[in-house]
Amino acid sequence: MSGDRKSYYVVGGEYADASFAAPAPGKALERHGPFDEKAAFDFWRSITGRTVDNALVRYAIAIETDEDRRLWYVAGGEYADATFQTMAENKPLEIYGPFTRKAAMDRWRSMTGRTVDSALTRYSVEHQNDLDIRRLLGG
């Protein structure tokens, strides 16, 4: 959405190795902000200047929009038939969340990947304002 407000964060810290995939043992990744764009860049430049001698320290600027702050859910499960209107007998509607949009999409991909062989199992990503339990249950 083009009207989304953006917040900028400086994230990072000391990592376990040069893959920069996991924090060093006993360390947690840092998150500084929120900043406007210029303040985030200025803070990033300051903190990277102080840590330049440690090759395992890395910081980056992360952007968060209003869309990222909205709540999302993954809903679905096994349905009675291919109309996807009624849950299968003794199968509840499954609802997972809340998540950020990205985390909801990641969860949805994971769940649909595990259930790809079941033609009657379906999940969808639902925005908090559109999470209509009656519709999802076929009512």
N, C-alpha and C. Protein backbone atom coordinates (compact mmCIF):
# COMPACT_ATOMS: atom_id res chain seq x y z
N MET A 1 0.85 -1.18 0.00
CA MET A 1 0.00 0.00 0.00
C MET A 1 0.89 1.23 0.00
N SER A 2 0.64 2.13 -0.92
CA SER A 2 1.52 3.28 -1.05
C SER A 2 1.36 4.27 0.09
N GLY A 3 0.23 4.27 0.80
CA GLY A 3 0.02 5.20 1.90
C GLY A 3 0.54 4.72 3.23
N ASP A 4 1.15 3.55 3.25
CA ASP A 4 1.66 3.01 4.51
C ASP A 4 2.75 3.90 5.08
N ARG A 5 2.67 4.13 6.39
CA ARG A 5 3.75 4.83 7.07
C ARG A 5 4.89 3.84 7.27
N LYS A 6 6.11 4.33 7.18
CA LYS A 6 7.27 3.47 7.34
C LYS A 6 8.01 3.83 8.61
N SER A 7 8.44 2.80 9.32
CA SER A 7 9.33 2.95 10.46
C SER A 7 10.60 2.21 10.11
N TYR A 8 11.71 2.75 10.53
CA TYR A 8 13.01 2.15 10.23
C TYR A 8 13.66 1.68 11.52
N TYR A 9 14.25 0.51 11.47
CA TYR A 9 14.93 -0.08 12.62
C TYR A 9 16.33 -0.49 12.19
N VAL A 10 17.26 -0.41 13.13
CA VAL A 10 18.61 -0.94 12.91
C VAL A 10 18.66 -2.24 13.70
N VAL A 11 18.89 -3.34 12.98
CA VAL A 11 18.89 -4.67 13.61
C VAL A 11 20.21 -5.37 13.34
N GLY A 12 20.64 -6.16 14.31
CA GLY A 12 21.86 -6.93 14.13
C GLY A 12 22.55 -7.15 15.45
N GLY A 13 23.84 -7.39 15.36
CA GLY A 13 24.63 -7.67 16.55
C GLY A 13 25.75 -8.62 16.20
N GLU A 14 26.20 -9.37 17.20
CA GLU A 14 27.30 -10.31 16.99
C GLU A 14 26.73 -11.68 16.61
N TYR A 15 27.25 -12.23 15.54
CA TYR A 15 26.78 -13.52 15.02
C TYR A 15 27.76 -14.63 15.35
N ALA A 16 27.27 -15.88 15.27
CA ALA A 16 28.08 -17.05 15.61
C ALA A 16 29.18 -17.30 14.60
N ASP A 17 28.90 -17.00 13.33
CA ASP A 17 29.90 -17.22 12.28
C ASP A 17 29.58 -16.31 11.10
N ALA A 18 30.38 -16.41 10.05
CA ALA A 18 30.26 -15.49 8.92
C ALA A 18 29.06 -15.77 8.02
N SER A 19 28.25 -16.76 8.35
CA SER A 19 27.00 -16.95 7.59
C SER A 19 25.95 -15.94 8.04
N PHE A 20 26.16 -15.34 9.20
CA PHE A 20 25.27 -14.33 9.78
C PHE A 20 23.83 -14.85 9.89
N ALA A 21 23.70 -16.15 10.19
CA ALA A 21 22.38 -16.77 10.29
C ALA A 21 21.88 -16.87 11.72
N ALA A 22 22.78 -16.91 12.69
CA ALA A 22 22.37 -17.08 14.10
C ALA A 22 23.26 -16.22 14.98
N PRO A 23 22.68 -15.67 16.05
CA PRO A 23 23.49 -14.86 16.96
C PRO A 23 24.56 -15.71 17.65
N ALA A 24 25.61 -15.05 18.09
CA ALA A 24 26.68 -15.73 18.82
C ALA A 24 26.10 -16.33 20.10
N PRO A 25 26.69 -17.43 20.58
CA PRO A 25 26.20 -18.04 21.83
C PRO A 25 26.15 -17.01 22.95
N GLY A 26 25.03 -17.00 23.65
CA GLY A 26 24.85 -16.06 24.76
C GLY A 26 24.49 -14.65 24.34
N LYS A 27 24.32 -14.42 23.04
CA LYS A 27 23.99 -13.08 22.54
C LYS A 27 22.60 -13.09 21.92
N ALA A 28 21.94 -11.96 21.96
CA ALA A 28 20.65 -11.78 21.30
C ALA A 28 20.80 -10.68 20.26
N LEU A 29 20.08 -10.79 19.17
CA LEU A 29 20.13 -9.73 18.17
C LEU A 29 19.46 -8.48 18.73
N GLU A 30 20.02 -7.35 18.38
CA GLU A 30 19.52 -6.06 18.85
C GLU A 30 18.56 -5.47 17.83
N ARG A 31 17.62 -4.67 18.32
CA ARG A 31 16.68 -3.95 17.45
C ARG A 31 16.58 -2.54 18.00
N HIS A 32 17.08 -1.57 17.24
CA HIS A 32 17.09 -0.17 17.66
C HIS A 32 16.08 0.60 16.81
N GLY A 33 15.30 1.46 17.44
CA GLY A 33 14.34 2.25 16.70
C GLY A 33 13.00 2.23 17.40
N PRO A 34 11.98 2.75 16.80
CA PRO A 34 11.90 3.14 15.40
C PRO A 34 12.53 4.51 15.14
N PHE A 35 12.96 4.68 13.89
CA PHE A 35 13.56 5.93 13.43
C PHE A 35 12.86 6.36 12.15
N ASP A 36 13.06 7.64 11.78
CA ASP A 36 12.74 8.01 10.41
C ASP A 36 13.93 7.55 9.56
N GLU A 37 13.83 7.66 8.26
CA GLU A 37 14.86 7.10 7.38
C GLU A 37 16.25 7.68 7.65
N LYS A 38 16.36 8.99 7.76
CA LYS A 38 17.67 9.62 7.97
C LYS A 38 18.26 9.23 9.33
N ALA A 39 17.43 9.26 10.38
CA ALA A 39 17.93 8.91 11.72
C ALA A 39 18.39 7.45 11.76
N ALA A 40 17.69 6.56 11.05
CA ALA A 40 18.10 5.15 11.02
C ALA A 40 19.46 5.02 10.34
N PHE A 41 19.65 5.71 9.23
CA PHE A 41 20.93 5.65 8.55
C PHE A 41 22.04 6.23 9.43
N ASP A 42 21.76 7.34 10.09
CA ASP A 42 22.77 7.94 10.97
C ASP A 42 23.13 7.00 12.12
N PHE A 43 22.13 6.36 12.72
CA PHE A 43 22.40 5.42 13.81
C PHE A 43 23.18 4.21 13.29
N TRP A 44 22.78 3.69 12.12
CA TRP A 44 23.49 2.55 11.52
C TRP A 44 24.96 2.90 11.29
N ARG A 45 25.21 4.08 10.73
CA ARG A 45 26.59 4.50 10.47
C ARG A 45 27.37 4.60 11.78
N SER A 46 26.76 5.12 12.83
CA SER A 46 27.41 5.25 14.12
C SER A 46 27.74 3.89 14.73
N ILE A 47 26.78 2.98 14.74
CA ILE A 47 27.01 1.68 15.39
C ILE A 47 27.97 0.81 14.59
N THR A 48 27.91 0.87 13.27
CA THR A 48 28.86 0.07 12.48
C THR A 48 30.26 0.65 12.58
N GLY A 49 30.37 1.94 12.76
CA GLY A 49 31.69 2.54 12.97
C GLY A 49 32.33 2.09 14.27
N ARG A 50 31.52 1.89 15.30
CA ARG A 50 32.04 1.44 16.59
C ARG A 50 32.39 -0.05 16.60
N THR A 51 31.82 -0.82 15.69
CA THR A 51 32.03 -2.28 15.71
C THR A 51 32.81 -2.78 14.50
N VAL A 52 33.43 -1.89 13.77
CA VAL A 52 34.11 -2.25 12.52
C VAL A 52 35.23 -3.28 12.72
N ASP A 53 35.82 -3.35 13.90
CA ASP A 53 36.94 -4.27 14.14
C ASP A 53 36.49 -5.70 14.42
N ASN A 54 35.21 -5.95 14.56
CA ASN A 54 34.73 -7.31 14.81
C ASN A 54 34.02 -7.81 13.55
N ALA A 55 34.65 -8.74 12.83
CA ALA A 55 34.11 -9.23 11.56
C ALA A 55 32.80 -10.00 11.72
N LEU A 56 32.46 -10.39 12.93
CA LEU A 56 31.23 -11.15 13.15
C LEU A 56 30.07 -10.28 13.61
N VAL A 57 30.26 -8.97 13.60
CA VAL A 57 29.19 -8.04 13.96
C VAL A 57 28.65 -7.42 12.67
N ARG A 58 27.35 -7.49 12.53
CA ARG A 58 26.71 -6.92 11.34
C ARG A 58 25.39 -6.29 11.75
N TYR A 59 25.10 -5.14 11.16
CA TYR A 59 23.83 -4.44 11.37
C TYR A 59 23.23 -4.09 10.01
N ALA A 60 21.93 -4.05 9.95
CA ALA A 60 21.22 -3.67 8.73
C ALA A 60 20.03 -2.80 9.11
N ILE A 61 19.51 -2.09 8.13
CA ILE A 61 18.32 -1.28 8.34
C ILE A 61 17.12 -2.07 7.85
N ALA A 62 16.13 -2.24 8.71
CA ALA A 62 14.89 -2.93 8.36
C ALA A 62 13.77 -1.91 8.31
N ILE A 63 12.91 -2.05 7.33
CA ILE A 63 11.78 -1.14 7.16
C ILE A 63 10.50 -1.89 7.54
N GLU A 64 9.68 -1.23 8.33
CA GLU A 64 8.40 -1.81 8.73
C GLU A 64 7.30 -0.83 8.32
N THR A 65 6.28 -1.33 7.63
CA THR A 65 5.17 -0.49 7.19
C THR A 65 3.93 -0.78 8.04
N ASP A 66 2.90 0.03 7.85
CA ASP A 66 1.63 -0.22 8.54
C ASP A 66 1.14 -1.63 8.24
N GLU A 67 1.32 -2.07 6.99
CA GLU A 67 0.89 -3.41 6.59
C GLU A 67 1.59 -4.48 7.42
N ASP A 68 2.86 -4.28 7.71
CA ASP A 68 3.62 -5.24 8.51
C ASP A 68 3.08 -5.33 9.94
N ARG A 69 2.48 -4.24 10.41
CA ARG A 69 2.01 -4.20 11.79
C ARG A 69 0.60 -4.76 11.95
N ARG A 70 -0.09 -5.01 10.85
CA ARG A 70 -1.45 -5.57 10.93
C ARG A 70 -1.37 -7.04 11.32
N LEU A 71 -2.46 -7.54 11.87
CA LEU A 71 -2.49 -8.93 12.33
C LEU A 71 -3.16 -9.82 11.29
N TRP A 72 -2.52 -10.97 11.06
CA TRP A 72 -2.99 -11.94 10.08
C TRP A 72 -3.11 -13.31 10.73
N TYR A 73 -4.00 -14.12 10.19
CA TYR A 73 -4.25 -15.47 10.70
C TYR A 73 -4.22 -16.46 9.54
N VAL A 74 -3.90 -17.71 9.85
CA VAL A 74 -4.03 -18.80 8.90
C VAL A 74 -5.21 -19.64 9.39
N ALA A 75 -6.18 -19.86 8.52
CA ALA A 75 -7.39 -20.58 8.91
C ALA A 75 -7.72 -21.64 7.88
N GLY A 76 -8.31 -22.73 8.34
CA GLY A 76 -8.73 -23.79 7.43
C GLY A 76 -8.71 -25.13 8.10
N GLY A 77 -8.46 -26.15 7.31
CA GLY A 77 -8.42 -27.52 7.81
C GLY A 77 -9.00 -28.46 6.79
N GLU A 78 -9.51 -29.59 7.27
CA GLU A 78 -10.08 -30.61 6.39
C GLU A 78 -11.58 -30.37 6.24
N TYR A 79 -12.03 -30.27 5.00
CA TYR A 79 -13.43 -30.00 4.70
C TYR A 79 -14.16 -31.28 4.30
N ALA A 80 -15.48 -31.25 4.37
CA ALA A 80 -16.31 -32.42 4.08
C ALA A 80 -16.31 -32.77 2.59
N ASP A 81 -16.24 -31.74 1.74
CA ASP A 81 -16.25 -32.00 0.30
C ASP A 81 -15.57 -30.83 -0.41
N ALA A 82 -15.53 -30.92 -1.74
CA ALA A 82 -14.77 -29.94 -2.53
C ALA A 82 -15.46 -28.59 -2.67
N THR A 83 -16.61 -28.40 -2.03
CA THR A 83 -17.21 -27.06 -2.01
C THR A 83 -16.51 -26.19 -0.96
N PHE A 84 -15.82 -26.83 -0.03
CA PHE A 84 -15.08 -26.15 1.04
C PHE A 84 -15.99 -25.23 1.85
N GLN A 85 -17.21 -25.71 2.09
CA GLN A 85 -18.19 -24.94 2.86
C GLN A 85 -18.37 -25.47 4.27
N THR A 86 -18.15 -26.77 4.48
CA THR A 86 -18.40 -27.41 5.77
C THR A 86 -17.18 -28.22 6.18
N MET A 87 -16.79 -28.09 7.43
CA MET A 87 -15.66 -28.87 7.93
C MET A 87 -16.03 -30.35 7.94
N ALA A 88 -15.03 -31.21 7.73
CA ALA A 88 -15.25 -32.65 7.78
C ALA A 88 -15.72 -33.04 9.18
N GLU A 89 -16.44 -34.14 9.26
CA GLU A 89 -16.97 -34.61 10.54
C GLU A 89 -15.83 -34.80 11.54
N ASN A 90 -16.04 -34.28 12.73
CA ASN A 90 -15.06 -34.36 13.82
C ASN A 90 -13.75 -33.63 13.52
N LYS A 91 -13.77 -32.72 12.55
CA LYS A 91 -12.58 -31.93 12.24
C LYS A 91 -12.90 -30.46 12.53
N PRO A 92 -12.18 -29.84 13.45
CA PRO A 92 -12.46 -28.44 13.79
C PRO A 92 -11.84 -27.48 12.77
N LEU A 93 -12.40 -26.30 12.72
CA LEU A 93 -11.76 -25.22 11.98
C LEU A 93 -10.48 -24.88 12.73
N GLU A 94 -9.37 -24.87 12.04
CA GLU A 94 -8.08 -24.55 12.66
C GLU A 94 -7.78 -23.08 12.40
N ILE A 95 -7.39 -22.35 13.44
CA ILE A 95 -7.00 -20.95 13.30
C ILE A 95 -5.68 -20.77 14.02
N TYR A 96 -4.69 -20.24 13.28
CA TYR A 96 -3.36 -20.01 13.83
C TYR A 96 -3.04 -18.53 13.72
N GLY A 97 -2.41 -17.98 14.73
CA GLY A 97 -2.03 -16.59 14.69
C GLY A 97 -2.26 -15.95 16.05
N PRO A 98 -2.13 -14.67 16.13
CA PRO A 98 -1.89 -13.74 15.03
C PRO A 98 -0.42 -13.70 14.60
N PHE A 99 -0.24 -13.30 13.34
CA PHE A 99 1.09 -13.18 12.74
C PHE A 99 1.20 -11.85 12.02
N THR A 100 2.43 -11.48 11.67
CA THR A 100 2.62 -10.45 10.66
C THR A 100 2.24 -11.08 9.33
N ARG A 101 2.05 -10.29 8.30
CA ARG A 101 1.69 -10.86 6.99
C ARG A 101 2.74 -11.85 6.52
N LYS A 102 4.00 -11.48 6.62
CA LYS A 102 5.07 -12.37 6.17
C LYS A 102 5.07 -13.68 6.95
N ALA A 103 4.94 -13.60 8.27
CA ALA A 103 4.93 -14.81 9.09
C ALA A 103 3.70 -15.67 8.77
N ALA A 104 2.56 -15.02 8.51
CA ALA A 104 1.35 -15.78 8.15
C ALA A 104 1.56 -16.49 6.82
N MET A 105 2.16 -15.81 5.86
CA MET A 105 2.43 -16.45 4.57
C MET A 105 3.40 -17.61 4.72
N ASP A 106 4.41 -17.44 5.55
CA ASP A 106 5.37 -18.53 5.80
C ASP A 106 4.67 -19.72 6.43
N ARG A 107 3.80 -19.47 7.41
CA ARG A 107 3.07 -20.55 8.08
C ARG A 107 2.13 -21.25 7.09
N TRP A 108 1.44 -20.46 6.25
CA TRP A 108 0.53 -21.00 5.26
C TRP A 108 1.29 -21.91 4.28
N ARG A 109 2.44 -21.45 3.80
CA ARG A 109 3.24 -22.28 2.88
C ARG A 109 3.65 -23.59 3.54
N SER A 110 4.06 -23.52 4.78
CA SER A 110 4.45 -24.72 5.52
C SER A 110 3.28 -25.69 5.66
N MET A 111 2.12 -25.17 6.03
CA MET A 111 0.96 -26.03 6.25
C MET A 111 0.44 -26.61 4.94
N THR A 112 0.38 -25.82 3.89
CA THR A 112 -0.12 -26.34 2.62
C THR A 112 0.87 -27.32 2.01
N GLY A 113 2.15 -27.13 2.27
CA GLY A 113 3.14 -28.09 1.80
C GLY A 113 2.98 -29.45 2.46
N ARG A 114 2.62 -29.45 3.73
CA ARG A 114 2.43 -30.71 4.46
C ARG A 114 1.12 -31.41 4.10
N THR A 115 0.16 -30.66 3.56
CA THR A 115 -1.16 -31.25 3.29
C THR A 115 -1.45 -31.31 1.79
N VAL A 116 -0.43 -31.20 0.96
CA VAL A 116 -0.62 -31.15 -0.49
C VAL A 116 -1.31 -32.41 -1.04
N ASP A 117 -1.18 -33.53 -0.37
CA ASP A 117 -1.79 -34.78 -0.84
C ASP A 117 -3.25 -34.93 -0.43
N SER A 118 -3.78 -33.99 0.32
CA SER A 118 -5.18 -34.05 0.75
C SER A 118 -5.99 -33.01 -0.02
N ALA A 119 -6.77 -33.49 -0.99
CA ALA A 119 -7.55 -32.59 -1.83
C ALA A 119 -8.63 -31.84 -1.06
N LEU A 120 -8.99 -32.32 0.11
CA LEU A 120 -10.05 -31.68 0.88
C LEU A 120 -9.53 -30.80 2.01
N THR A 121 -8.23 -30.63 2.06
CA THR A 121 -7.65 -29.76 3.09
C THR A 121 -7.26 -28.45 2.44
N ARG A 122 -7.73 -27.38 3.04
CA ARG A 122 -7.45 -26.05 2.48
C ARG A 122 -7.21 -25.08 3.62
N TYR A 123 -6.23 -24.20 3.43
CA TYR A 123 -5.93 -23.13 4.38
C TYR A 123 -5.90 -21.82 3.61
N SER A 124 -6.21 -20.73 4.30
CA SER A 124 -6.12 -19.41 3.70
C SER A 124 -5.52 -18.45 4.71
N VAL A 125 -4.97 -17.37 4.19
CA VAL A 125 -4.43 -16.30 5.03
C VAL A 125 -5.52 -15.24 5.14
N GLU A 126 -5.89 -14.91 6.35
CA GLU A 126 -7.00 -14.00 6.60
C GLU A 126 -6.53 -12.80 7.41
N HIS A 127 -6.89 -11.60 6.96
CA HIS A 127 -6.61 -10.38 7.72
C HIS A 127 -7.54 -10.35 8.93
N GLN A 128 -7.08 -9.77 10.01
CA GLN A 128 -7.87 -9.74 11.25
C GLN A 128 -9.27 -9.18 11.02
N ASN A 129 -9.42 -8.22 10.14
CA ASN A 129 -10.73 -7.62 9.90
C ASN A 129 -11.62 -8.49 9.01
N ASP A 130 -11.02 -9.46 8.32
CA ASP A 130 -11.77 -10.33 7.40
C ASP A 130 -11.94 -11.74 7.94
N LEU A 131 -11.47 -11.99 9.14
CA LEU A 131 -11.54 -13.33 9.72
C LEU A 131 -13.00 -13.60 10.12
N ASP A 132 -13.75 -14.12 9.18
CA ASP A 132 -15.18 -14.38 9.38
C ASP A 132 -15.36 -15.86 9.69
N ILE A 133 -15.49 -16.18 10.96
CA ILE A 133 -15.60 -17.57 11.41
C ILE A 133 -16.81 -18.25 10.78
N ARG A 134 -17.94 -17.54 10.71
CA ARG A 134 -19.15 -18.14 10.13
C ARG A 134 -18.92 -18.55 8.68
N ARG A 135 -18.27 -17.67 7.90
CA ARG A 135 -18.00 -17.99 6.49
C ARG A 135 -17.06 -19.18 6.40
N LEU A 136 -16.02 -19.18 7.22
CA LEU A 136 -15.05 -20.27 7.17
C LEU A 136 -15.66 -21.60 7.59
N LEU A 137 -16.65 -21.56 8.47
CA LEU A 137 -17.32 -22.79 8.92
C LEU A 137 -18.48 -23.17 8.00
N GLY A 138 -18.73 -22.36 6.98
CA GLY A 138 -19.80 -22.68 6.04
C GLY A 138 -21.18 -22.27 6.51
N GLY A 139 -21.25 -21.35 7.47
CA GLY A 139 -22.54 -20.93 8.02
C GLY A 139 -23.01 -19.62 7.48
